[in-house]
PDB file of N, CA and C in Angstrom:
ATOM      1  N   UNK A   1     108.659 107.877 100.521  1.00  0.00           N
ATOM      2  CA  UNK A   1     107.509 107.225 101.110  1.00  0.00           C
ATOM      3  C   UNK A   1     106.197 107.676 100.417  1.00  0.00           C
ATOM      4  N   UNK A   2     105.428 106.719 100.100  1.00  0.00           N
ATOM      5  CA  UNK A   2     104.127 106.847  99.308  1.00  0.00           C
ATOM      6  C   UNK A   2     103.107 107.370 100.303  1.00  0.00           C
ATOM      7  N   UNK A   3     102.252 108.047  99.784  1.00  0.00           N
ATOM      8  CA  UNK A   3     100.886 108.498 100.661  1.00  0.00           C
ATOM      9  C   UNK A   3     100.321 107.180 101.218  1.00  0.00           C
ATOM     10  N   UNK A   4     100.070 106.182 100.418  1.00  0.00           N
ATOM     11  CA  UNK A   4      99.313 104.980 100.844  1.00  0.00           C
ATOM     12  C   UNK A   4      99.907 104.248 102.046  1.00  0.00           C
ATOM     13  N   UNK A   5     101.323 104.428 102.044  1.00  0.00           N
ATOM     14  CA  UNK A   5     102.186 103.754 103.235  1.00  0.00           C
ATOM     15  C   UNK A   5     101.815 104.552 104.344  1.00  0.00           C
ATOM     16  N   UNK A   6     101.787 105.933 104.329  1.00  0.00           N
ATOM     17  CA  UNK A   6     101.725 106.743 105.399  1.00  0.00           C
ATOM     18  C   UNK A   6     100.207 106.706 106.001  1.00  0.00           C
ATOM     19  N   UNK A   7      99.310 106.463 105.108  1.00  0.00           N
ATOM     20  CA  UNK A   7      97.901 106.405 105.537  1.00  0.00           C
ATOM     21  C   UNK A   7      97.596 105.117 106.322  1.00  0.00           C
ATOM     22  N   UNK A   8      98.462 104.035 106.127  1.00  0.00           N
ATOM     23  CA  UNK A   8      98.353 102.955 106.720  1.00  0.00           C
ATOM     24  C   UNK A   8      99.014 102.931 108.316  1.00  0.00           C
ATOM     25  N   UNK A   9      99.728 103.913 108.467  1.00  0.00           N
ATOM     26  CA  UNK A   9     100.280 103.989 109.751  1.00  0.00           C
ATOM     27  C   UNK A   9      99.377 104.758 110.716  1.00  0.00           C
ATOM     28  N   UNK A  10      99.570 104.721 112.077  1.00  0.00           N
ATOM     29  CA  UNK A  10      98.920 105.235 113.103  1.00  0.00           C
ATOM     30  C   UNK A  10      99.383 106.542 113.286  1.00  0.00           C
ATOM     31  N   UNK A  11      98.753 107.558 113.946  1.00  0.00           N
ATOM     32  CA  UNK A  11      99.218 108.802 114.303  1.00  0.00           C
ATOM     33  C   UNK A  11     100.542 108.916 115.028  1.00  0.00           C
ATOM     34  N   UNK A  12     100.869 107.864 116.035  1.00  0.00           N
ATOM     35  CA  UNK A  12     102.011 107.864 116.732  1.00  0.00           C
ATOM     36  C   UNK A  12     103.317 107.471 115.726  1.00  0.00           C
ATOM     37  N   UNK A  13     102.816 106.529 114.889  1.00  0.00           N
ATOM     38  CA  UNK A  13     103.904 106.174 114.012  1.00  0.00           C
ATOM     39  C   UNK A  13     104.200 107.272 113.085  1.00  0.00           C
ATOM     40  N   UNK A  14     103.266 108.034 112.533  1.00  0.00           N
ATOM     41  CA  UNK A  14     103.526 109.089 111.736  1.00  0.00           C
ATOM     42  C   UNK A  14     104.265 110.129 112.380  1.00  0.00           C
ATOM     43  N   UNK A  15     104.109 110.520 113.493  1.00  0.00           N
ATOM     44  CA  UNK A  15     104.800 111.518 114.434  1.00  0.00           C
ATOM     45  C   UNK A  15     106.215 111.050 114.648  1.00  0.00           C
ATOM     46  N   UNK A  16     106.336 109.749 114.888  1.00  0.00           N
ATOM     47  CA  UNK A  16     107.731 109.278 115.019  1.00  0.00           C
ATOM     48  C   UNK A  16     108.594 109.487 113.732  1.00  0.00           C
ATOM     49  N   UNK A  17     107.930 108.979 112.685  1.00  0.00           N
ATOM     50  CA  UNK A  17     108.618 109.161 111.281  1.00  0.00           C
ATOM     51  C   UNK A  17     108.874 110.629 111.006  1.00  0.00           C
ATOM     52  N   UNK A  18     108.120 111.551 111.379  1.00  0.00           N
ATOM     53  CA  UNK A  18     108.311 112.965 111.012  1.00  0.00           C
ATOM     54  C   UNK A  18     109.616 113.412 111.872  1.00  0.00           C
ATOM     55  N   UNK A  19     109.667 112.896 113.139  1.00  0.00           N
ATOM     56  CA  UNK A  19     110.788 113.321 114.079  1.00  0.00           C
ATOM     57  C   UNK A  19     112.066 112.667 113.389  1.00  0.00           C
ATOM     58  N   UNK A  20     111.918 111.536 112.912  1.00  0.00           N
ATOM     59  CA  UNK A  20     113.250 110.885 112.308  1.00  0.00           C
ATOM     60  C   UNK A  20     113.538 111.587 111.035  1.00  0.00           C
ATOM     61  N   UNK A  21     112.609 112.064 110.183  1.00  0.00           N
ATOM     62  CA  UNK A  21     113.020 112.810 109.043  1.00  0.00           C
ATOM     63  C   UNK A  21     113.485 114.288 109.249  1.00  0.00           C
ATOM     64  N   UNK A  22     112.903 114.881 110.341  1.00  0.00           N
ATOM     65  CA  UNK A  22     113.516 116.117 110.821  1.00  0.00           C
ATOM     66  C   UNK A  22     114.922 116.121 111.162  1.00  0.00           C
ATOM     67  N   UNK A  23     115.270 114.979 111.994  1.00  0.00           N
ATOM     68  CA  UNK A  23     116.622 114.820 112.299  1.00  0.00           C
ATOM     69  C   UNK A  23     117.604 114.693 111.045  1.00  0.00           C
ATOM     70  N   UNK A  24     117.107 113.724 110.228  1.00  0.00           N
ATOM     71  CA  UNK A  24     117.852 113.556 108.903  1.00  0.00           C
ATOM     72  C   UNK A  24     118.095 114.910 108.260  1.00  0.00           C
ATOM     73  N   UNK A  25     117.080 115.672 108.075  1.00  0.00           N
ATOM     74  CA  UNK A  25     117.179 116.986 107.343  1.00  0.00           C
ATOM     75  C   UNK A  25     118.078 117.798 108.026  1.00  0.00           C
ATOM     76  N   UNK A  26     118.273 117.856 109.364  1.00  0.00           N
ATOM     77  CA  UNK A  26     119.160 118.714 110.158  1.00  0.00           C
ATOM     78  C   UNK A  26     120.581 118.307 109.725  1.00  0.00           C
ATOM     79  N   UNK A  27     120.790 116.988 109.659  1.00  0.00           N
ATOM     80  CA  UNK A  27     122.064 116.368 109.377  1.00  0.00           C
ATOM     81  C   UNK A  27     122.378 116.702 107.921  1.00  0.00           C
ATOM     82  N   UNK A  28     121.506 116.661 107.089  1.00  0.00           N
ATOM     83  CA  UNK A  28     121.817 117.142 105.734  1.00  0.00           C
ATOM     84  C   UNK A  28     122.190 118.498 105.441  1.00  0.00           C
ATOM     85  N   UNK A  29     121.445 119.341 106.254  1.00  0.00           N
ATOM     86  CA  UNK A  29     121.785 120.810 106.211  1.00  0.00           C
ATOM     87  C   UNK A  29     123.219 120.956 106.684  1.00  0.00           C
ATOM     88  N   UNK A  30     123.613 120.324 107.722  1.00  0.00           N
ATOM     89  CA  UNK A  30     125.090 120.467 108.007  1.00  0.00           C
ATOM     90  C   UNK A  30     126.146 119.960 107.100  1.00  0.00           C
ATOM     91  N   UNK A  31     125.750 118.786 106.328  1.00  0.00           N
ATOM     92  CA  UNK A  31     126.520 118.236 105.272  1.00  0.00           C
ATOM     93  C   UNK A  31     126.735 119.189 104.181  1.00  0.00           C
ATOM     94  N   UNK A  32     125.572 119.829 103.816  1.00  0.00           N
ATOM     95  CA  UNK A  32     125.612 120.794 102.710  1.00  0.00           C
ATOM     96  C   UNK A  32     126.499 122.088 103.051  1.00  0.00           C
ATOM     97  N   UNK A  33     126.361 122.511 104.351  1.00  0.00           N
ATOM     98  CA  UNK A  33     127.334 123.550 104.771  1.00  0.00           C
ATOM     99  C   UNK A  33     128.715 123.254 104.808  1.00  0.00           C
ATOM    100  N   UNK A  34     129.090 122.075 105.092  1.00  0.00           N
ATOM    101  CA  UNK A  34     130.442 121.651 105.206  1.00  0.00           C
ATOM    102  C   UNK A  34     130.910 121.167 103.883  1.00  0.00           C
ATOM    103  N   UNK A  35     130.092 121.029 102.753  1.00  0.00           N
ATOM    104  CA  UNK A  35     130.536 120.605 101.444  1.00  0.00           C
ATOM    105  C   UNK A  35     130.642 118.975 101.466  1.00  0.00           C
ATOM    106  N   UNK A  36     129.956 118.233 102.433  1.00  0.00           N
ATOM    107  CA  UNK A  36     130.098 116.937 102.439  1.00  0.00           C
ATOM    108  C   UNK A  36     128.887 116.190 101.742  1.00  0.00           C
ATOM    109  N   UNK A  37     127.883 116.957 101.434  1.00  0.00           N
ATOM    110  CA  UNK A  37     126.677 116.254 100.896  1.00  0.00           C
ATOM    111  C   UNK A  37     126.796 115.904  99.474  1.00  0.00           C
ATOM    112  N   UNK A  38     126.620 114.639  99.257  1.00  0.00           N
ATOM    113  CA  UNK A  38     126.728 113.917  97.874  1.00  0.00           C
ATOM    114  C   UNK A  38     125.526 113.908  97.171  1.00  0.00           C
ATOM    115  N   UNK A  39     124.433 113.504  97.823  1.00  0.00           N
ATOM    116  CA  UNK A  39     123.015 113.352  97.250  1.00  0.00           C
ATOM    117  C   UNK A  39     122.174 114.460  97.586  1.00  0.00           C
ATOM    118  N   UNK A  40     122.253 115.584  96.694  1.00  0.00           N
ATOM    119  CA  UNK A  40     121.575 116.841  96.949  1.00  0.00           C
ATOM    120  C   UNK A  40     119.923 116.601  96.888  1.00  0.00           C
ATOM    121  N   UNK A  41     119.645 115.727  96.063  1.00  0.00           N
ATOM    122  CA  UNK A  41     118.255 115.342  95.900  1.00  0.00           C
ATOM    123  C   UNK A  41     117.464 115.040  97.005  1.00  0.00           C
ATOM    124  N   UNK A  42     118.259 114.485  97.914  1.00  0.00           N
ATOM    125  CA  UNK A  42     117.655 113.750  99.219  1.00  0.00           C
ATOM    126  C   UNK A  42     117.005 114.966 100.011  1.00  0.00           C
ATOM    127  N   UNK A  43     117.646 116.135  99.914  1.00  0.00           N
ATOM    128  CA  UNK A  43     117.117 117.240 100.818  1.00  0.00           C
ATOM    129  C   UNK A  43     115.677 117.574 100.368  1.00  0.00           C
ATOM    130  N   UNK A  44     115.336 117.551  99.075  1.00  0.00           N
ATOM    131  CA  UNK A  44     114.082 117.822  98.572  1.00  0.00           C
ATOM    132  C   UNK A  44     113.085 116.715  98.913  1.00  0.00           C
ATOM    133  N   UNK A  45     113.603 115.413  98.667  1.00  0.00           N
ATOM    134  CA  UNK A  45     112.797 114.167  99.066  1.00  0.00           C
ATOM    135  C   UNK A  45     112.319 114.222 100.474  1.00  0.00           C
ATOM    136  N   UNK A  46     113.217 114.577 101.446  1.00  0.00           N
ATOM    137  CA  UNK A  46     112.993 114.626 102.954  1.00  0.00           C
ATOM    138  C   UNK A  46     111.915 115.762 103.186  1.00  0.00           C
ATOM    139  N   UNK A  47     112.131 116.876 102.614  1.00  0.00           N
ATOM    140  CA  UNK A  47     111.132 117.880 102.773  1.00  0.00           C
ATOM    141  C   UNK A  47     109.763 117.576 102.358  1.00  0.00           C
ATOM    142  N   UNK A  48     109.613 117.060 101.212  1.00  0.00           N
ATOM    143  CA  UNK A  48     108.315 116.607 100.764  1.00  0.00           C
ATOM    144  C   UNK A  48     107.686 115.458 101.508  1.00  0.00           C
ATOM    145  N   UNK A  49     108.544 114.466 101.998  1.00  0.00           N
ATOM    146  CA  UNK A  49     108.013 113.457 102.911  1.00  0.00           C
ATOM    147  C   UNK A  49     107.409 114.158 104.214  1.00  0.00           C
ATOM    148  N   UNK A  50     108.091 114.950 104.709  1.00  0.00           N
ATOM    149  CA  UNK A  50     107.705 115.640 105.995  1.00  0.00           C
ATOM    150  C   UNK A  50     106.426 116.236 105.812  1.00  0.00           C
ATOM    151  N   UNK A  51     106.219 117.141 104.631  1.00  0.00           N
ATOM    152  CA  UNK A  51     105.038 117.709 104.296  1.00  0.00           C
ATOM    153  C   UNK A  51     103.928 116.646 104.186  1.00  0.00           C
ATOM    154  N   UNK A  52     104.201 115.582 103.434  1.00  0.00           N
ATOM    155  CA  UNK A  52     103.251 114.589 102.967  1.00  0.00           C
ATOM    156  C   UNK A  52     102.622 113.927 104.403  1.00  0.00           C
ATOM    157  N   UNK A  53     103.653 113.664 105.298  1.00  0.00           N
ATOM    158  CA  UNK A  53     103.181 113.008 106.695  1.00  0.00           C
ATOM    159  C   UNK A  53     102.369 113.962 107.414  1.00  0.00           C
ATOM    160  N   UNK A  54     102.784 115.272 107.513  1.00  0.00           N
ATOM    161  CA  UNK A  54     101.991 116.238 108.189  1.00  0.00           C
ATOM    162  C   UNK A  54     100.728 116.364 107.804  1.00  0.00           C
ATOM    163  N   UNK A  55     100.344 116.390 106.455  1.00  0.00           N
ATOM    164  CA  UNK A  55      99.168 116.599 105.854  1.00  0.00           C
ATOM    165  C   UNK A  55      98.313 115.361 106.175  1.00  0.00           C
ATOM    166  N   UNK A  56      98.740 114.113 106.159  1.00  0.00           N
ATOM    167  CA  UNK A  56      98.078 113.015 106.362  1.00  0.00           C
ATOM    168  C   UNK A  56      97.754 112.986 107.846  1.00  0.00           C
ATOM    169  N   UNK A  57      98.630 113.399 108.748  1.00  0.00           N
ATOM    170  CA  UNK A  57      98.491 113.327 110.248  1.00  0.00           C
ATOM    171  C   UNK A  57      97.186 114.338 110.471  1.00  0.00           C
ATOM    172  N   UNK A  58      97.227 115.479 109.834  1.00  0.00           N
ATOM    173  CA  UNK A  58      96.414 116.547 110.085  1.00  0.00           C
ATOM    174  C   UNK A  58      94.887 116.032 109.554  1.00  0.00           C
ATOM    175  N   UNK A  59      94.862 115.322 108.463  1.00  0.00           N
ATOM    176  CA  UNK A  59      93.699 114.749 107.897  1.00  0.00           C
ATOM    177  C   UNK A  59      93.070 113.615 108.815  1.00  0.00           C
ATOM    178  N   UNK A  60      93.858 112.911 109.334  1.00  0.00           N
ATOM    179  CA  UNK A  60      93.444 111.866 110.428  1.00  0.00           C
ATOM    180  C   UNK A  60      93.018 112.502 111.691  1.00  0.00           C
ATOM    181  N   UNK A  61      93.687 113.583 112.117  1.00  0.00           N
ATOM    182  CA  UNK A  61      93.174 114.257 113.408  1.00  0.00           C
ATOM    183  C   UNK A  61      91.806 114.864 113.140  1.00  0.00           C
ATOM    184  N   UNK A  62      91.583 115.458 111.883  1.00  0.00           N
ATOM    185  CA  UNK A  62      90.289 116.122 111.653  1.00  0.00           C
ATOM    186  C   UNK A  62      89.224 115.120 111.309  1.00  0.00           C
ATOM    187  N   UNK A  63      89.504 113.767 111.015  1.00  0.00           N
ATOM    188  CA  UNK A  63      88.436 112.872 110.714  1.00  0.00           C
ATOM    189  C   UNK A  63      88.093 112.810 109.403  1.00  0.00           C
ATOM    190  N   UNK A  64      88.955 113.379 108.508  1.00  0.00           N
ATOM    191  CA  UNK A  64      88.645 113.217 107.106  1.00  0.00           C
ATOM    192  C   UNK A  64      88.722 111.827 106.555  1.00  0.00           C
ATOM    193  N   UNK A  65      87.626 111.504 105.773  1.00  0.00           N
ATOM    194  CA  UNK A  65      87.788 109.994 105.296  1.00  0.00           C
ATOM    195  C   UNK A  65      88.867 109.834 104.348  1.00  0.00           C
ATOM    196  N   UNK A  66      89.528 108.644 104.279  1.00  0.00           N
ATOM    197  CA  UNK A  66      90.624 108.370 103.344  1.00  0.00           C
ATOM    198  C   UNK A  66      90.105 108.282 102.020  1.00  0.00           C
ATOM    199  N   UNK A  67      90.794 108.866 100.993  1.00  0.00           N
ATOM    200  CA  UNK A  67      90.522 108.822  99.665  1.00  0.00           C
ATOM    201  C   UNK A  67      90.491 107.398  99.128  1.00  0.00           C
ATOM    202  N   UNK A  68      89.663 107.153  97.970  1.00  0.00           N
ATOM    203  CA  UNK A  68      89.630 105.830  97.469  1.00  0.00           C
ATOM    204  C   UNK A  68      90.746 105.805  96.382  1.00  0.00           C
ATOM    205  N   UNK A  69      91.418 104.723  96.332  1.00  0.00           N
ATOM    206  CA  UNK A  69      92.468 104.665  95.260  1.00  0.00           C
ATOM    207  C   UNK A  69      91.884 104.506  93.943  1.00  0.00           C
ATOM    208  N   UNK A  70      92.546 104.922  92.967  1.00  0.00           N
ATOM    209  CA  UNK A  70      92.084 104.914  91.567  1.00  0.00           C
ATOM    210  C   UNK A  70      91.947 103.590  91.053  1.00  0.00           C
ATOM    211  N   UNK A  71      92.782 102.611  91.459  1.00  0.00           N
ATOM    212  CA  UNK A  71      92.767 101.287  91.078  1.00  0.00           C
ATOM    213  C   UNK A  71      91.506 100.602  91.686  1.00  0.00           C
ATOM    214  N   UNK A  72      91.079 100.875  92.780  1.00  0.00           N
ATOM    215  CA  UNK A  72      89.817 100.357  93.352  1.00  0.00           C
ATOM    216  C   UNK A  72      88.668 100.830  92.605  1.00  0.00           C
ATOM    217  N   UNK A  73      88.579 102.120  92.152  1.00  0.00           N
ATOM    218  CA  UNK A  73      87.478 102.519  91.429  1.00  0.00           C
ATOM    219  C   UNK A  73      87.354 101.955  90.132  1.00  0.00           C
ATOM    220  N   UNK A  74      88.539 101.737  89.398  1.00  0.00           N
ATOM    221  CA  UNK A  74      88.603 101.162  88.126  1.00  0.00           C
ATOM    222  C   UNK A  74      88.239  99.755  88.121  1.00  0.00           C
ATOM    223  N   UNK A  75      88.472  99.130  89.226  1.00  0.00           N
ATOM    224  CA  UNK A  75      88.119  97.641  89.268  1.00  0.00           C
ATOM    225  C   UNK A  75      86.584  97.214  89.484  1.00  0.00           C
ATOM    226  N   UNK A  76      85.999  98.233  89.976  1.00  0.00           N
ATOM    227  CA  UNK A  76      84.506  97.892  90.167  1.00  0.00           C
ATOM    228  C   UNK A  76      83.841  98.080  88.784  1.00  0.00           C
ATOM    229  N   UNK A  77      83.206  97.188  88.372  1.00  0.00           N
ATOM    230  CA  UNK A  77      82.512  97.201  86.848  1.00  0.00           C
ATOM    231  C   UNK A  77      81.233  98.083  86.962  1.00  0.00           C
ATOM    232  N   UNK A  78      80.675  98.325  87.936  1.00  0.00           N
ATOM    233  CA  UNK A  78      79.520  99.091  87.771  1.00  0.00           C
ATOM    234  C   UNK A  78      79.856 100.651  87.706  1.00  0.00           C
ATOM    235  N   UNK A  79      81.027 100.974  87.943  1.00  0.00           N
ATOM    236  CA  UNK A  79      81.461 102.432  87.791  1.00  0.00           C
ATOM    237  C   UNK A  79      82.083 102.519  86.482  1.00  0.00           C
ATOM    238  N   UNK A  80      82.393 101.643  85.692  1.00  0.00           N
ATOM    239  CA  UNK A  80      83.020 101.795  84.411  1.00  0.00           C
ATOM    240  C   UNK A  80      81.966 102.094  83.374  1.00  0.00           C
ATOM    241  N   UNK A  81      82.105 103.297  82.710  1.00  0.00           N
ATOM    242  CA  UNK A  81      81.306 103.705  81.662  1.00  0.00           C
ATOM    243  C   UNK A  81      82.105 103.752  80.441  1.00  0.00           C
ATOM    244  N   UNK A  82      81.451 103.396  79.312  1.00  0.00           N
ATOM    245  CA  UNK A  82      82.033 103.592  78.027  1.00  0.00           C
ATOM    246  C   UNK A  82      81.806 104.951  77.392  1.00  0.00           C
ATOM    247  N   UNK A  83      82.962 105.592  76.843  1.00  0.00           N
ATOM    248  CA  UNK A  83      82.919 106.757  76.298  1.00  0.00           C
ATOM    249  C   UNK A  83      82.635 106.612  74.854  1.00  0.00           C
ATOM    250  N   UNK A  84      81.673 107.254  74.304  1.00  0.00           N
ATOM    251  CA  UNK A  84      81.378 107.162  72.991  1.00  0.00           C
ATOM    252  C   UNK A  84      81.690 108.393  72.234  1.00  0.00           C
ATOM    253  N   UNK A  85      82.081 108.491  70.982  1.00  0.00           N
ATOM    254  CA  UNK A  85      82.470 109.742  70.280  1.00  0.00           C
ATOM    255  C   UNK A  85      81.110 110.296  69.810  1.00  0.00           C
ATOM    256  N   UNK A  86      81.125 111.627  69.730  1.00  0.00           N
ATOM    257  CA  UNK A  86      79.934 112.477  69.332  1.00  0.00           C
ATOM    258  C   UNK A  86      79.725 112.128  67.858  1.00  0.00           C
ATOM    259  N   UNK A  87      78.436 112.303  67.496  1.00  0.00           N
ATOM    260  CA  UNK A  87      78.089 112.049  66.166  1.00  0.00           C
ATOM    261  C   UNK A  87      78.423 113.129  65.133  1.00  0.00           C
ATOM    262  N   UNK A  88      78.497 114.312  65.695  1.00  0.00           N
ATOM    263  CA  UNK A  88      78.789 115.574  64.903  1.00  0.00           C
ATOM    264  C   UNK A  88      80.188 115.539  64.284  1.00  0.00           C
ATOM    265  N   UNK A  89      80.428 115.630  63.104  1.00  0.00           N
ATOM    266  CA  UNK A  89      81.660 115.780  62.541  1.00  0.00           C
ATOM    267  C   UNK A  89      82.304 117.098  62.821  1.00  0.00           C
ATOM    268  N   UNK A  90      83.608 117.162  62.761  1.00  0.00           N
ATOM    269  CA  UNK A  90      84.297 118.395  63.186  1.00  0.00           C
ATOM    270  C   UNK A  90      84.263 119.267  62.063  1.00  0.00           C
ATOM    271  N   UNK A  91      84.279 120.564  62.177  1.00  0.00           N
ATOM    272  CA  UNK A  91      84.304 121.515  61.119  1.00  0.00           C
ATOM    273  C   UNK A  91      85.698 121.606  60.342  1.00  0.00           C
ATOM    274  N   UNK A  92      85.542 121.755  59.121  1.00  0.00           N
ATOM    275  CA  UNK A  92      86.703 121.707  58.437  1.00  0.00           C
ATOM    276  C   UNK A  92      87.498 123.126  58.573  1.00  0.00           C
ATOM    277  N   UNK A  93      88.791 122.966  58.640  1.00  0.00           N
ATOM    278  CA  UNK A  93      89.563 124.227  58.879  1.00  0.00           C
ATOM    279  C   UNK A  93      89.552 125.062  57.644  1.00  0.00           C
ATOM    280  N   UNK A  94      89.240 126.431  57.824  1.00  0.00           N
ATOM    281  CA  UNK A  94      89.168 127.360  56.686  1.00  0.00           C
ATOM    282  C   UNK A  94      90.436 128.000  56.600  1.00  0.00           C
ATOM    283  N   UNK A  95      90.806 128.248  55.180  1.00  0.00           N
ATOM    284  CA  UNK A  95      92.078 128.737  54.974  1.00  0.00           C
ATOM    285  C   UNK A  95      92.164 130.360  55.496  1.00  0.00           C
ATOM    286  N   UNK A  96      93.203 130.800  55.966  1.00  0.00           N
ATOM    287  CA  UNK A  96      93.306 131.990  56.533  1.00  0.00           C
ATOM    288  C   UNK A  96      93.519 132.949  55.410  1.00  0.00           C
ATOM    289  N   UNK A  97      93.020 134.208  55.510  1.00  0.00           N
ATOM    290  CA  UNK A  97      93.200 135.210  54.436  1.00  0.00           C
ATOM    291  C   UNK A  97      94.496 135.841  54.747  1.00  0.00           C
ATOM    292  N   UNK A  98      95.380 136.217  53.881  1.00  0.00           N
ATOM    293  CA  UNK A  98      96.610 137.017  54.008  1.00  0.00           C
ATOM    294  C   UNK A  98      96.213 138.342  54.400  1.00  0.00           C
ATOM    295  N   UNK A  99      97.112 139.003  55.212  1.00  0.00           N
ATOM    296  CA  UNK A  99      96.898 140.290  55.581  1.00  0.00           C
ATOM    297  C   UNK A  99      97.305 141.071  54.253  1.00  0.00           C
ATOM    298  N   UNK A 100      96.540 142.102  53.848  1.00  0.00           N
ATOM    299  CA  UNK A 100      96.787 142.878  52.613  1.00  0.00           C
ATOM    300  C   UNK A 100      97.880 143.896  53.064  1.00  0.00           C
ATOM    301  N   UNK A 101      98.817 144.053  52.141  1.00  0.00           N
ATOM    302  CA  UNK A 101      99.852 144.812  52.148  1.00  0.00           C
ATOM    303  C   UNK A 101      99.550 146.310  51.786  1.00  0.00           C
ATOM    304  N   UNK A 102      99.471 147.199  52.599  1.00  0.00           N
ATOM    305  CA  UNK A 102      99.039 148.667  52.275  1.00  0.00           C
ATOM    306  C   UNK A 102     100.208 149.378  51.815  1.00  0.00           C
ATOM    307  N   UNK A 103     100.192 150.080  50.691  1.00  0.00           N
ATOM    308  CA  UNK A 103     101.362 150.819  50.313  1.00  0.00           C
ATOM    309  C   UNK A 103     101.588 152.029  51.282  1.00  0.00           C
ATOM    310  N   UNK A 104     102.752 152.031  51.672  1.00  0.00           N
ATOM    311  CA  UNK A 104     103.201 153.193  52.563  1.00  0.00           C
ATOM    312  C   UNK A 104     103.085 154.518  51.888  1.00  0.00           C
ATOM    313  N   UNK A 105     102.449 155.420  52.588  1.00  0.00           N
ATOM    314  CA  UNK A 105     102.209 156.809  52.007  1.00  0.00           C
ATOM    315  C   UNK A 105     103.513 157.589  52.405  1.00  0.00           C
ATOM    316  N   UNK A 106     104.061 158.362  51.390  1.00  0.00           N
ATOM    317  CA  UNK A 106     105.194 159.093  51.770  1.00  0.00           C
ATOM    318  C   UNK A 106     104.756 160.393  52.251  1.00  0.00           C
ATOM    319  N   UNK A 107     105.367 160.949  53.251  1.00  0.00           N
ATOM    320  CA  UNK A 107     105.042 162.286  53.824  1.00  0.00           C
ATOM    321  C   UNK A 107     105.675 163.350  53.138  1.00  0.00           C
ATOM    322  N   UNK A 108     105.004 164.395  52.944  1.00  0.00           N
ATOM    323  CA  UNK A 108     105.649 165.508  52.002  1.00  0.00           C
ATOM    324  C   UNK A 108     105.930 166.583  53.049  1.00  0.00           C
TER     325      UNK A 108
END
């Protein structure tokens, strides 16, 4: 589930979806324990979806304004700025000096 889909839901819908995902997570744990789990990646997806939904629900309860999508920001022409390259040329790379090999002194 994408965050945009979750943001379109009401708090009741989010709570119902979290409950449904928790039940599925419970069933997946039993399948893993009995060796019947085929899609192991699903456990991770469920866990992240639950976290995502809980985060969005907490934000809605706290009254945090919804973030603006990147595509909406890029679509507005007044917010688009052209990036120009700096006029300064880059410094040329200097050749490195080799480490001098010191003759090893023999201990007497």
